[in-house]
Amino acid sequence: MSYAGIGGVGLASATNTNTDTSARIHTTARLSLNIYHSLADPMLVRNNKAEFRAIKEEIALGISRPYNPLGLAYNDQRGLPPVFTNTAVMNTGKSDDLMKWYIKFYDCRSEEERIEQCKKPCTVKGLAYYPSELYFAGIVMSDAEADPIHHDNALTLMIGGKITIKNGRFAIEAGEEVMWYFEEEAEAGLFDDYGLRVKRAVNSSSFMNQELEYVNPTTAAMMKIRDHDYAERALMKRPVFIKPYRIGVDSLGATAYDEKRKIGIACYSAGSYERVDIKIGRSLL
């Protein structure tokens, strides 16, 4: 199968209009200051409110059960579910930071690799940290502040229907399933030019133990979700993007953990970092 020849301009980029908004399913959540505080210096969010503000059309992630019994659980939270949109706090540039842990986890090619990875802690704020499962919480429909001292931290999330959002690094064809991913996964060279996972030996202990390097950096302009003053000011914003979910002819282009990250189907084709119309909903998959 070839994914070449995806050129031109996507419908959303050409028309600058969103798809029909009449049939959407919404829920409510709160941008969680506790999540950010658990991963970074508490003053970071308060002093950089622009970077940690959730804005419309970003992807929000939630934190579920820990992979290891020693991990931090958010199951005892009451009220609106806690979510976050800025993954910059996960990436400290260290070899054992939280982002690199997730990069390796999602690239696990076997159950044995998954079990071994879940036994390993990463380092967060200088301490051992056992990560928890991340899940797609929805598409942000209303802006919110992470620190309630600045403004309301409640936000509306879209979890079903059609919407136009920004595509990630890899071109998408109409009708393809889409999944969320971290841009650092692409920067680490784990995907080829078509968004398929780079082949490696199953149960490759050398990969799971090697230090990752970011060899394909993303520019700040590509990180923008929307063109407005907020995006111009943001210096440490790392949003979550979407990419096509492709398994390839040998079914090795995606992992079992990529399958859990699928969120919907592309309505039209779109190029790299173009806006694309998608249908959101696990019932579609």
C-alpha atoms as a PDB file:
ATOM      1  CA  MET A   1       0.000   0.000   0.000  1.00  0.00           C
ATOM      2  CA  SER A   2       1.276   3.454  -0.864  1.00  0.00           C
ATOM      3  CA  TYR A   3       0.403   6.670   0.879  1.00  0.00           C
ATOM      4  CA  ALA A   4       2.276   8.793  -1.615  1.00  0.00           C
ATOM      5  CA  GLY A   5       0.631  11.432  -3.717  1.00  0.00           C
ATOM      6  CA  ILE A   6      -1.241  13.166  -0.920  1.00  0.00           C
ATOM      7  CA  GLY A   7      -0.816  16.711  -2.082  1.00  0.00           C
ATOM      8  CA  GLY A   8      -2.752  19.885  -2.559  1.00  0.00           C
ATOM      9  CA  VAL A   9      -4.795  21.548   0.122  1.00  0.00           C
ATOM     10  CA  GLY A  10      -7.316  19.939   2.441  1.00  0.00           C
ATOM     11  CA  LEU A  11     -10.941  21.078   2.312  1.00  0.00           C
ATOM     12  CA  ALA A  12     -10.755  22.728   5.723  1.00  0.00           C
ATOM     13  CA  SER A  13      -7.695  24.726   4.720  1.00  0.00           C
ATOM     14  CA  ALA A  14      -9.157  25.689   1.338  1.00  0.00           C
ATOM     15  CA  THR A  15     -12.547  26.826   2.616  1.00  0.00           C
ATOM     16  CA  ASN A  16     -11.486  28.051   6.061  1.00  0.00           C
ATOM     17  CA  THR A  17     -14.792  26.724   7.402  1.00  0.00           C
ATOM     18  CA  ASN A  18     -15.708  24.019   9.856  1.00  0.00           C
ATOM     19  CA  THR A  19     -17.907  21.025   9.132  1.00  0.00           C
ATOM     20  CA  ASP A  20     -21.531  20.837  10.241  1.00  0.00           C
ATOM     21  CA  THR A  21     -21.787  21.410  13.991  1.00  0.00           C
ATOM     22  CA  SER A  22     -25.402  20.353  14.493  1.00  0.00           C
ATOM     23  CA  ALA A  23     -24.751  16.866  15.886  1.00  0.00           C
ATOM     24  CA  ARG A  24     -22.117  17.036  18.592  1.00  0.00           C
ATOM     25  CA  ILE A  25     -21.793  15.303  21.942  1.00  0.00           C
ATOM     26  CA  HIS A  26     -20.236  17.399  24.684  1.00  0.00           C
ATOM     27  CA  THR A  27     -19.062  16.771  28.225  1.00  0.00           C
ATOM     28  CA  THR A  28     -17.511  18.952  30.907  1.00  0.00           C
ATOM     29  CA  ALA A  29     -14.108  18.635  32.577  1.00  0.00           C
ATOM     30  CA  ARG A  30     -11.638  20.842  34.383  1.00  0.00           C
ATOM     31  CA  LEU A  31      -8.140  21.796  33.400  1.00  0.00           C
ATOM     32  CA  SER A  32      -6.235  20.268  36.290  1.00  0.00           C
ATOM     33  CA  LEU A  33      -3.693  22.335  38.167  1.00  0.00           C
ATOM     34  CA  ASN A  34      -2.943  19.237  40.271  1.00  0.00           C
ATOM     35  CA  ILE A  35      -1.766  17.304  37.212  1.00  0.00           C
ATOM     36  CA  TYR A  36       0.622  20.054  36.205  1.00  0.00           C
ATOM     37  CA  HIS A  37       1.845  20.465  39.786  1.00  0.00           C
ATOM     38  CA  SER A  38       2.517  16.739  40.065  1.00  0.00           C
ATOM     39  CA  LEU A  39       4.784  16.919  37.005  1.00  0.00           C
ATOM     40  CA  ALA A  40       6.504  20.306  37.333  1.00  0.00           C
ATOM     41  CA  ASP A  41       7.321  23.205  39.653  1.00  0.00           C
ATOM     42  CA  PRO A  42       4.011  24.633  40.952  1.00  0.00           C
ATOM     43  CA  MET A  43       5.142  28.167  40.112  1.00  0.00           C
ATOM     44  CA  LEU A  44       5.671  27.239  36.469  1.00  0.00           C
ATOM     45  CA  VAL A  45       1.959  27.324  35.669  1.00  0.00           C
ATOM     46  CA  ARG A  46       1.224  30.409  37.748  1.00  0.00           C
ATOM     47  CA  ASN A  47       4.036  32.397  36.128  1.00  0.00           C
ATOM     48  CA  ASN A  48       3.337  31.190  32.570  1.00  0.00           C
ATOM     49  CA  LYS A  49      -0.433  31.160  32.368  1.00  0.00           C
ATOM     50  CA  ALA A  50      -0.516  31.655  28.579  1.00  0.00           C
ATOM     51  CA  GLU A  51       1.401  28.454  27.941  1.00  0.00           C
ATOM     52  CA  PHE A  52      -0.889  26.367  30.150  1.00  0.00           C
ATOM     53  CA  ARG A  53      -4.208  27.795  29.033  1.00  0.00           C
ATOM     54  CA  ALA A  54      -6.420  25.317  27.186  1.00  0.00           C
ATOM     55  CA  ILE A  55      -7.737  26.778  23.943  1.00  0.00           C
ATOM     56  CA  LYS A  56     -10.438  25.703  21.530  1.00  0.00           C
ATOM     57  CA  GLU A  57      -9.582  22.798  19.202  1.00  0.00           C
ATOM     58  CA  GLU A  58      -6.772  21.399  21.363  1.00  0.00           C
ATOM     59  CA  ILE A  59      -6.840  17.731  22.336  1.00  0.00           C
ATOM     60  CA  ALA A  60      -7.317  17.124  26.059  1.00  0.00           C
ATOM     61  CA  LEU A  61      -5.934  14.018  27.757  1.00  0.00           C
ATOM     62  CA  GLY A  62      -7.016  12.474  31.033  1.00  0.00           C
ATOM     63  CA  ILE A  63      -5.068  10.273  33.462  1.00  0.00           C
ATOM     64  CA  SER A  64      -6.504   6.880  34.386  1.00  0.00           C
ATOM     65  CA  ARG A  65      -5.193   3.970  36.457  1.00  0.00           C
ATOM     66  CA  PRO A  66      -1.440   3.642  37.073  1.00  0.00           C
ATOM     67  CA  TYR A  67       0.410   0.906  35.200  1.00  0.00           C
ATOM     68  CA  ASN A  68       2.291   0.037  38.372  1.00  0.00           C
ATOM     69  CA  PRO A  69       0.807  -0.327  41.899  1.00  0.00           C
ATOM     70  CA  LEU A  70       3.308   2.290  43.049  1.00  0.00           C
ATOM     71  CA  GLY A  71       1.931   4.837  40.603  1.00  0.00           C
ATOM     72  CA  LEU A  72      -0.139   7.940  41.330  1.00  0.00           C
ATOM     73  CA  ALA A  73      -3.893   7.413  40.833  1.00  0.00           C
ATOM     74  CA  TYR A  74      -6.491  10.096  40.181  1.00  0.00           C
ATOM     75  CA  ASN A  75      -9.432   7.761  40.819  1.00  0.00           C
ATOM     76  CA  ASP A  76     -10.247   9.466  44.106  1.00  0.00           C
ATOM     77  CA  GLN A  77     -10.909  12.801  42.420  1.00  0.00           C
ATOM     78  CA  ARG A  78     -14.465  14.085  42.792  1.00  0.00           C
ATOM     79  CA  GLY A  79     -16.434  16.425  40.575  1.00  0.00           C
ATOM     80  CA  LEU A  80     -15.366  17.223  37.030  1.00  0.00           C
ATOM     81  CA  PRO A  81     -12.714  14.854  35.595  1.00  0.00           C
ATOM     82  CA  PRO A  82      -9.193  16.357  35.532  1.00  0.00           C
ATOM     83  CA  VAL A  83      -7.565  16.844  32.116  1.00  0.00           C
ATOM     84  CA  PHE A  84      -4.525  18.576  30.642  1.00  0.00           C
ATOM     85  CA  THR A  85      -3.523  19.823  27.186  1.00  0.00           C
ATOM     86  CA  ASN A  86       0.118  20.913  27.450  1.00  0.00           C
ATOM     87  CA  THR A  87       2.571  17.998  27.436  1.00  0.00           C
ATOM     88  CA  ALA A  88       5.667  20.213  27.771  1.00  0.00           C
ATOM     89  CA  VAL A  89       5.836  19.368  31.492  1.00  0.00           C
ATOM     90  CA  MET A  90       6.485  15.731  30.558  1.00  0.00           C
ATOM     91  CA  ASN A  91       9.616  16.552  28.579  1.00  0.00           C
ATOM     92  CA  THR A  92      12.562  17.753  30.653  1.00  0.00           C
ATOM     93  CA  GLY A  93      15.186  16.746  28.122  1.00  0.00           C
ATOM     94  CA  LYS A  94      16.573  14.092  30.463  1.00  0.00           C
ATOM     95  CA  SER A  95      17.107  10.512  29.324  1.00  0.00           C
ATOM     96  CA  ASP A  96      14.673   9.144  31.900  1.00  0.00           C
ATOM     97  CA  ASP A  97      11.917  11.758  31.807  1.00  0.00           C
ATOM     98  CA  LEU A  98       8.193  11.010  31.591  1.00  0.00           C
ATOM     99  CA  MET A  99       7.854  11.711  27.869  1.00  0.00           C
ATOM    100  CA  LYS A 100      10.561   9.232  26.929  1.00  0.00           C
ATOM    101  CA  TRP A 101       8.877   6.637  29.174  1.00  0.00           C
ATOM    102  CA  TYR A 102       5.614   7.039  27.245  1.00  0.00           C
ATOM    103  CA  ILE A 103       7.410   7.013  23.892  1.00  0.00           C
ATOM    104  CA  LYS A 104       8.893   3.619  24.688  1.00  0.00           C
ATOM    105  CA  PHE A 105       5.664   2.330  26.203  1.00  0.00           C
ATOM    106  CA  TYR A 106       3.584   3.073  23.106  1.00  0.00           C
ATOM    107  CA  ASP A 107       6.263   1.468  20.946  1.00  0.00           C
ATOM    108  CA  CYS A 108       6.153  -1.843  22.859  1.00  0.00           C
ATOM    109  CA  ARG A 109       5.788  -4.660  20.318  1.00  0.00           C
ATOM    110  CA  SER A 110       4.885  -7.452  22.728  1.00  0.00           C
ATOM    111  CA  GLU A 111       3.257  -8.105  26.074  1.00  0.00           C
ATOM    112  CA  GLU A 112       6.657  -8.984  27.505  1.00  0.00           C
ATOM    113  CA  GLU A 113       8.017  -5.582  26.543  1.00  0.00           C
ATOM    114  CA  ARG A 114       4.967  -3.868  28.041  1.00  0.00           C
ATOM    115  CA  ILE A 115       5.334  -5.698  31.356  1.00  0.00           C
ATOM    116  CA  GLU A 116       9.029  -4.900  31.531  1.00  0.00           C
ATOM    117  CA  GLN A 117       8.446  -1.224  30.725  1.00  0.00           C
ATOM    118  CA  CYS A 118       5.747  -0.893  33.395  1.00  0.00           C
ATOM    119  CA  LYS A 119       8.195  -2.110  36.026  1.00  0.00           C
ATOM    120  CA  LYS A 120      10.491   0.828  35.324  1.00  0.00           C
ATOM    121  CA  PRO A 121       9.956   4.246  36.890  1.00  0.00           C
ATOM    122  CA  CYS A 122      10.921   7.476  35.199  1.00  0.00           C
ATOM    123  CA  THR A 123      12.134  10.629  36.943  1.00  0.00           C
ATOM    124  CA  VAL A 124       9.763  13.505  37.699  1.00  0.00           C
ATOM    125  CA  LYS A 125      10.884  16.460  39.808  1.00  0.00           C
ATOM    126  CA  GLY A 126      13.952  14.483  40.859  1.00  0.00           C
ATOM    127  CA  LEU A 127      11.967  11.530  42.221  1.00  0.00           C
ATOM    128  CA  ALA A 128      10.992   8.085  40.936  1.00  0.00           C
ATOM    129  CA  TYR A 129       7.610   8.259  39.184  1.00  0.00           C
ATOM    130  CA  TYR A 130       5.465   5.387  37.893  1.00  0.00           C
ATOM    131  CA  PRO A 131       3.263   6.602  35.010  1.00  0.00           C
ATOM    132  CA  SER A 132      -0.455   6.069  34.584  1.00  0.00           C
ATOM    133  CA  GLU A 133      -2.619   5.304  31.557  1.00  0.00           C
ATOM    134  CA  LEU A 134      -3.532   8.283  29.397  1.00  0.00           C
ATOM    135  CA  TYR A 135      -6.844   8.521  27.559  1.00  0.00           C
ATOM    136  CA  PHE A 136      -8.457  10.829  25.020  1.00  0.00           C
ATOM    137  CA  ALA A 137     -10.757  13.099  27.036  1.00  0.00           C
ATOM    138  CA  GLY A 138     -12.075  15.147  24.114  1.00  0.00           C
ATOM    139  CA  ILE A 139     -11.569  18.192  21.905  1.00  0.00           C
ATOM    140  CA  VAL A 140     -11.541  21.492  23.780  1.00  0.00           C
ATOM    141  CA  MET A 141     -14.515  23.676  22.862  1.00  0.00           C
ATOM    142  CA  SER A 142     -14.069  26.505  25.375  1.00  0.00           C
ATOM    143  CA  ASP A 143     -10.914  28.176  26.649  1.00  0.00           C
ATOM    144  CA  ALA A 144      -9.909  27.570  30.278  1.00  0.00           C
ATOM    145  CA  GLU A 145      -7.099  28.503  32.642  1.00  0.00           C
ATOM    146  CA  ALA A 146      -5.034  25.882  34.436  1.00  0.00           C
ATOM    147  CA  ASP A 147      -4.675  28.034  37.541  1.00  0.00           C
ATOM    148  CA  PRO A 148      -8.117  29.145  38.809  1.00  0.00           C
ATOM    149  CA  ILE A 149      -6.520  32.271  40.269  1.00  0.00           C
ATOM    150  CA  HIS A 150      -6.407  33.601  36.706  1.00  0.00           C
ATOM    151  CA  HIS A 151      -9.864  32.499  35.528  1.00  0.00           C
ATOM    152  CA  ASP A 152     -12.275  29.575  35.343  1.00  0.00           C
ATOM    153  CA  ASN A 153     -10.647  26.163  34.877  1.00  0.00           C
ATOM    154  CA  ALA A 154     -13.845  24.395  33.743  1.00  0.00           C
ATOM    155  CA  LEU A 155     -14.043  23.602  30.046  1.00  0.00           C
ATOM    156  CA  THR A 156     -16.340  21.938  27.548  1.00  0.00           C
ATOM    157  CA  LEU A 157     -15.018  18.924  25.642  1.00  0.00           C
ATOM    158  CA  MET A 158     -16.402  17.422  22.453  1.00  0.00           C
ATOM    159  CA  ILE A 159     -16.453  13.623  22.513  1.00  0.00           C
ATOM    160  CA  GLY A 160     -18.664  12.901  19.513  1.00  0.00           C
ATOM    161  CA  GLY A 161     -19.583  14.463  16.156  1.00  0.00           C
ATOM    162  CA  LYS A 162     -17.764  16.337  13.410  1.00  0.00           C
ATOM    163  CA  ILE A 163     -15.134  19.013  13.930  1.00  0.00           C
ATOM    164  CA  THR A 164     -12.230  20.646  12.139  1.00  0.00           C
ATOM    165  CA  ILE A 165      -8.895  20.512  13.953  1.00  0.00           C
ATOM    166  CA  LYS A 166      -5.234  20.730  13.057  1.00  0.00           C
ATOM    167  CA  ASN A 167      -3.582  17.634  11.658  1.00  0.00           C
ATOM    168  CA  GLY A 168      -0.134  16.583  12.805  1.00  0.00           C
ATOM    169  CA  ARG A 169       3.038  15.730  10.913  1.00  0.00           C
ATOM    170  CA  PHE A 170       1.658  13.030   8.602  1.00  0.00           C
ATOM    171  CA  ALA A 171      -0.739  13.541   5.683  1.00  0.00           C
ATOM    172  CA  ILE A 172      -4.154  11.914   6.056  1.00  0.00           C
ATOM    173  CA  GLU A 173      -6.414  10.361   3.417  1.00  0.00           C
ATOM    174  CA  ALA A 174     -10.199  10.601   3.514  1.00  0.00           C
ATOM    175  CA  GLY A 175     -11.780   7.702   5.386  1.00  0.00           C
ATOM    176  CA  GLU A 176      -8.701   6.804   7.413  1.00  0.00           C
ATOM    177  CA  GLU A 177      -8.879   6.208  11.141  1.00  0.00           C
ATOM    178  CA  VAL A 178      -7.006   8.783  13.188  1.00  0.00           C
ATOM    179  CA  MET A 179      -5.240   8.525  16.537  1.00  0.00           C
ATOM    180  CA  TRP A 180      -3.621  10.996  18.917  1.00  0.00           C
ATOM    181  CA  TYR A 181       0.135  10.978  19.366  1.00  0.00           C
ATOM    182  CA  PHE A 182       2.973  12.961  20.904  1.00  0.00           C
ATOM    183  CA  GLU A 183       5.072  14.997  18.500  1.00  0.00           C
ATOM    184  CA  GLU A 184       8.120  13.729  20.389  1.00  0.00           C
ATOM    185  CA  GLU A 185       7.377  10.240  19.041  1.00  0.00           C
ATOM    186  CA  ALA A 186       7.933  11.526  15.522  1.00  0.00           C
ATOM    187  CA  GLU A 187      10.912  13.616  16.621  1.00  0.00           C
ATOM    188  CA  ALA A 188      12.510  10.449  18.011  1.00  0.00           C
ATOM    189  CA  GLY A 189      12.268   8.833  14.568  1.00  0.00           C
ATOM    190  CA  LEU A 190       9.791   6.102  15.515  1.00  0.00           C
ATOM    191  CA  PHE A 191       7.559   6.739  12.478  1.00  0.00           C
ATOM    192  CA  ASP A 192       8.462   6.684   8.795  1.00  0.00           C
ATOM    193  CA  ASP A 193       7.373   9.363   6.303  1.00  0.00           C
ATOM    194  CA  TYR A 194       3.878   7.834   6.073  1.00  0.00           C
ATOM    195  CA  GLY A 195       3.240   7.600   9.809  1.00  0.00           C
ATOM    196  CA  LEU A 196       3.944   3.862  10.052  1.00  0.00           C
ATOM    197  CA  ARG A 197       6.046   2.686  12.960  1.00  0.00           C
ATOM    198  CA  VAL A 198       9.621   1.948  11.974  1.00  0.00           C
ATOM    199  CA  LYS A 199      10.261  -1.769  11.938  1.00  0.00           C
ATOM    200  CA  ARG A 200      12.437  -3.335  14.601  1.00  0.00           C
ATOM    201  CA  ALA A 201      12.898  -6.769  16.094  1.00  0.00           C
ATOM    202  CA  VAL A 202      10.130  -7.942  18.416  1.00  0.00           C
ATOM    203  CA  ASN A 203      11.304  -8.167  22.036  1.00  0.00           C
ATOM    204  CA  SER A 204      14.233  -5.925  21.194  1.00  0.00           C
ATOM    205  CA  SER A 205      15.707  -5.243  24.624  1.00  0.00           C
ATOM    206  CA  SER A 206      18.328  -2.973  23.073  1.00  0.00           C
ATOM    207  CA  PHE A 207      15.651  -0.448  22.053  1.00  0.00           C
ATOM    208  CA  MET A 208      13.888  -0.510  25.406  1.00  0.00           C
ATOM    209  CA  ASN A 209      17.167   0.211  27.188  1.00  0.00           C
ATOM    210  CA  GLN A 210      18.738   2.703  24.795  1.00  0.00           C
ATOM    211  CA  GLU A 211      18.607   6.478  25.194  1.00  0.00           C
ATOM    212  CA  LEU A 212      16.246   8.236  22.796  1.00  0.00           C
ATOM    213  CA  GLU A 213      17.341  11.250  20.786  1.00  0.00           C
ATOM    214  CA  TYR A 214      15.072  13.765  19.076  1.00  0.00           C
ATOM    215  CA  VAL A 215      16.388  13.786  15.513  1.00  0.00           C
ATOM    216  CA  ASN A 216      13.436  15.363  13.662  1.00  0.00           C
ATOM    217  CA  PRO A 217      12.620  18.554  15.599  1.00  0.00           C
ATOM    218  CA  THR A 218       9.314  20.357  15.204  1.00  0.00           C
ATOM    219  CA  THR A 219       9.299  24.119  14.707  1.00  0.00           C
ATOM    220  CA  ALA A 220       7.371  26.468  16.976  1.00  0.00           C
ATOM    221  CA  ALA A 221       5.153  27.498  14.046  1.00  0.00           C
ATOM    222  CA  MET A 222       3.994  23.908  13.603  1.00  0.00           C
ATOM    223  CA  MET A 223       2.986  23.784  17.269  1.00  0.00           C
ATOM    224  CA  LYS A 224       0.342  26.477  16.821  1.00  0.00           C
ATOM    225  CA  ILE A 225      -3.226  25.249  17.074  1.00  0.00           C
ATOM    226  CA  ARG A 226      -4.741  28.558  15.998  1.00  0.00           C
ATOM    227  CA  ASP A 227      -3.234  31.810  14.775  1.00  0.00           C
ATOM    228  CA  HIS A 228      -3.909  34.397  17.461  1.00  0.00           C
ATOM    229  CA  ASP A 229      -2.048  36.313  20.158  1.00  0.00           C
ATOM    230  CA  TYR A 230      -1.930  33.331  22.496  1.00  0.00           C
ATOM    231  CA  ALA A 231      -0.143  31.174  19.925  1.00  0.00           C
ATOM    232  CA  GLU A 232       2.323  33.977  19.231  1.00  0.00           C
ATOM    233  CA  ARG A 233       3.199  34.345  22.927  1.00  0.00           C
ATOM    234  CA  ALA A 234       3.417  30.669  23.804  1.00  0.00           C
ATOM    235  CA  LEU A 235       7.018  29.579  24.298  1.00  0.00           C
ATOM    236  CA  MET A 236       6.633  26.191  25.964  1.00  0.00           C
ATOM    237  CA  LYS A 237       3.385  24.822  24.604  1.00  0.00           C
ATOM    238  CA  ARG A 238       3.399  21.221  23.359  1.00  0.00           C
ATOM    239  CA  PRO A 239      -0.113  20.246  22.263  1.00  0.00           C
ATOM    240  CA  VAL A 240      -1.253  16.765  21.290  1.00  0.00           C
ATOM    241  CA  PHE A 241      -1.805  16.151  17.569  1.00  0.00           C
ATOM    242  CA  ILE A 242      -3.545  13.549  15.419  1.00  0.00           C
ATOM    243  CA  LYS A 243      -2.088  11.246  12.778  1.00  0.00           C
ATOM    244  CA  PRO A 244      -3.449   8.470  10.564  1.00  0.00           C
ATOM    245  CA  TYR A 245      -3.697   5.073  12.233  1.00  0.00           C
ATOM    246  CA  ARG A 246      -1.931   2.797   9.746  1.00  0.00           C
ATOM    247  CA  ILE A 247      -0.929  -0.795  10.328  1.00  0.00           C
ATOM    248  CA  GLY A 248       0.665  -1.426   6.907  1.00  0.00           C
ATOM    249  CA  VAL A 249       0.483  -4.562   4.787  1.00  0.00           C
ATOM    250  CA  ASP A 250       2.413  -6.570   7.381  1.00  0.00           C
ATOM    251  CA  SER A 251       0.329  -5.238  10.310  1.00  0.00           C
ATOM    252  CA  LEU A 252       3.500  -3.946  11.996  1.00  0.00           C
ATOM    253  CA  GLY A 253       2.932  -0.260  11.299  1.00  0.00           C
ATOM    254  CA  ALA A 254       1.111   0.271  14.594  1.00  0.00           C
ATOM    255  CA  THR A 255       1.157  -1.284  18.042  1.00  0.00           C
ATOM    256  CA  ALA A 256      -1.664  -2.589  20.201  1.00  0.00           C
ATOM    257  CA  TYR A 257      -1.336   0.553  22.300  1.00  0.00           C
ATOM    258  CA  ASP A 258      -1.744   2.766  19.228  1.00  0.00           C
ATOM    259  CA  GLU A 259      -5.085   1.046  18.631  1.00  0.00           C
ATOM    260  CA  LYS A 260      -6.318   2.312  21.991  1.00  0.00           C
ATOM    261  CA  ARG A 261      -5.425   5.859  20.940  1.00  0.00           C
ATOM    262  CA  LYS A 262      -7.797   5.963  17.964  1.00  0.00           C
ATOM    263  CA  ILE A 263     -10.374   8.744  18.248  1.00  0.00           C
ATOM    264  CA  GLY A 264     -12.280   8.863  14.945  1.00  0.00           C
ATOM    265  CA  ILE A 265     -12.228   8.978  11.146  1.00  0.00           C
ATOM    266  CA  ALA A 266     -10.996  11.617   8.699  1.00  0.00           C
ATOM    267  CA  CYS A 267     -13.777  13.026   6.511  1.00  0.00           C
ATOM    268  CA  TYR A 268     -11.399  14.444   3.903  1.00  0.00           C
ATOM    269  CA  SER A 269      -7.737  14.323   2.984  1.00  0.00           C
ATOM    270  CA  ALA A 270      -5.279  16.828   4.445  1.00  0.00           C
ATOM    271  CA  GLY A 271      -1.571  17.454   4.346  1.00  0.00           C
ATOM    272  CA  SER A 272       0.982  17.866   7.091  1.00  0.00           C
ATOM    273  CA  TYR A 273      -0.149  20.371   9.762  1.00  0.00           C
ATOM    274  CA  GLU A 274      -3.200  21.358   7.706  1.00  0.00           C
ATOM    275  CA  ARG A 275      -6.640  21.629   9.175  1.00  0.00           C
ATOM    276  CA  VAL A 276      -8.721  18.500   8.647  1.00  0.00           C
ATOM    277  CA  ASP A 277     -12.362  17.547   9.132  1.00  0.00           C
ATOM    278  CA  ILE A 278     -12.807  14.480  11.334  1.00  0.00           C
ATOM    279  CA  LYS A 279     -15.654  12.507  12.896  1.00  0.00           C
ATOM    280  CA  ILE A 280     -15.019  11.891  16.582  1.00  0.00           C
ATOM    281  CA  GLY A 281     -16.299   8.813  18.398  1.00  0.00           C
ATOM    282  CA  ARG A 282     -15.083   5.371  19.433  1.00  0.00           C
ATOM    283  CA  SER A 283     -18.365   3.896  18.143  1.00  0.00           C
ATOM    284  CA  LEU A 284     -17.149   4.697  14.612  1.00  0.00           C
ATOM    285  CA  LEU A 285     -14.076   2.477  14.934  1.00  0.00           C
END
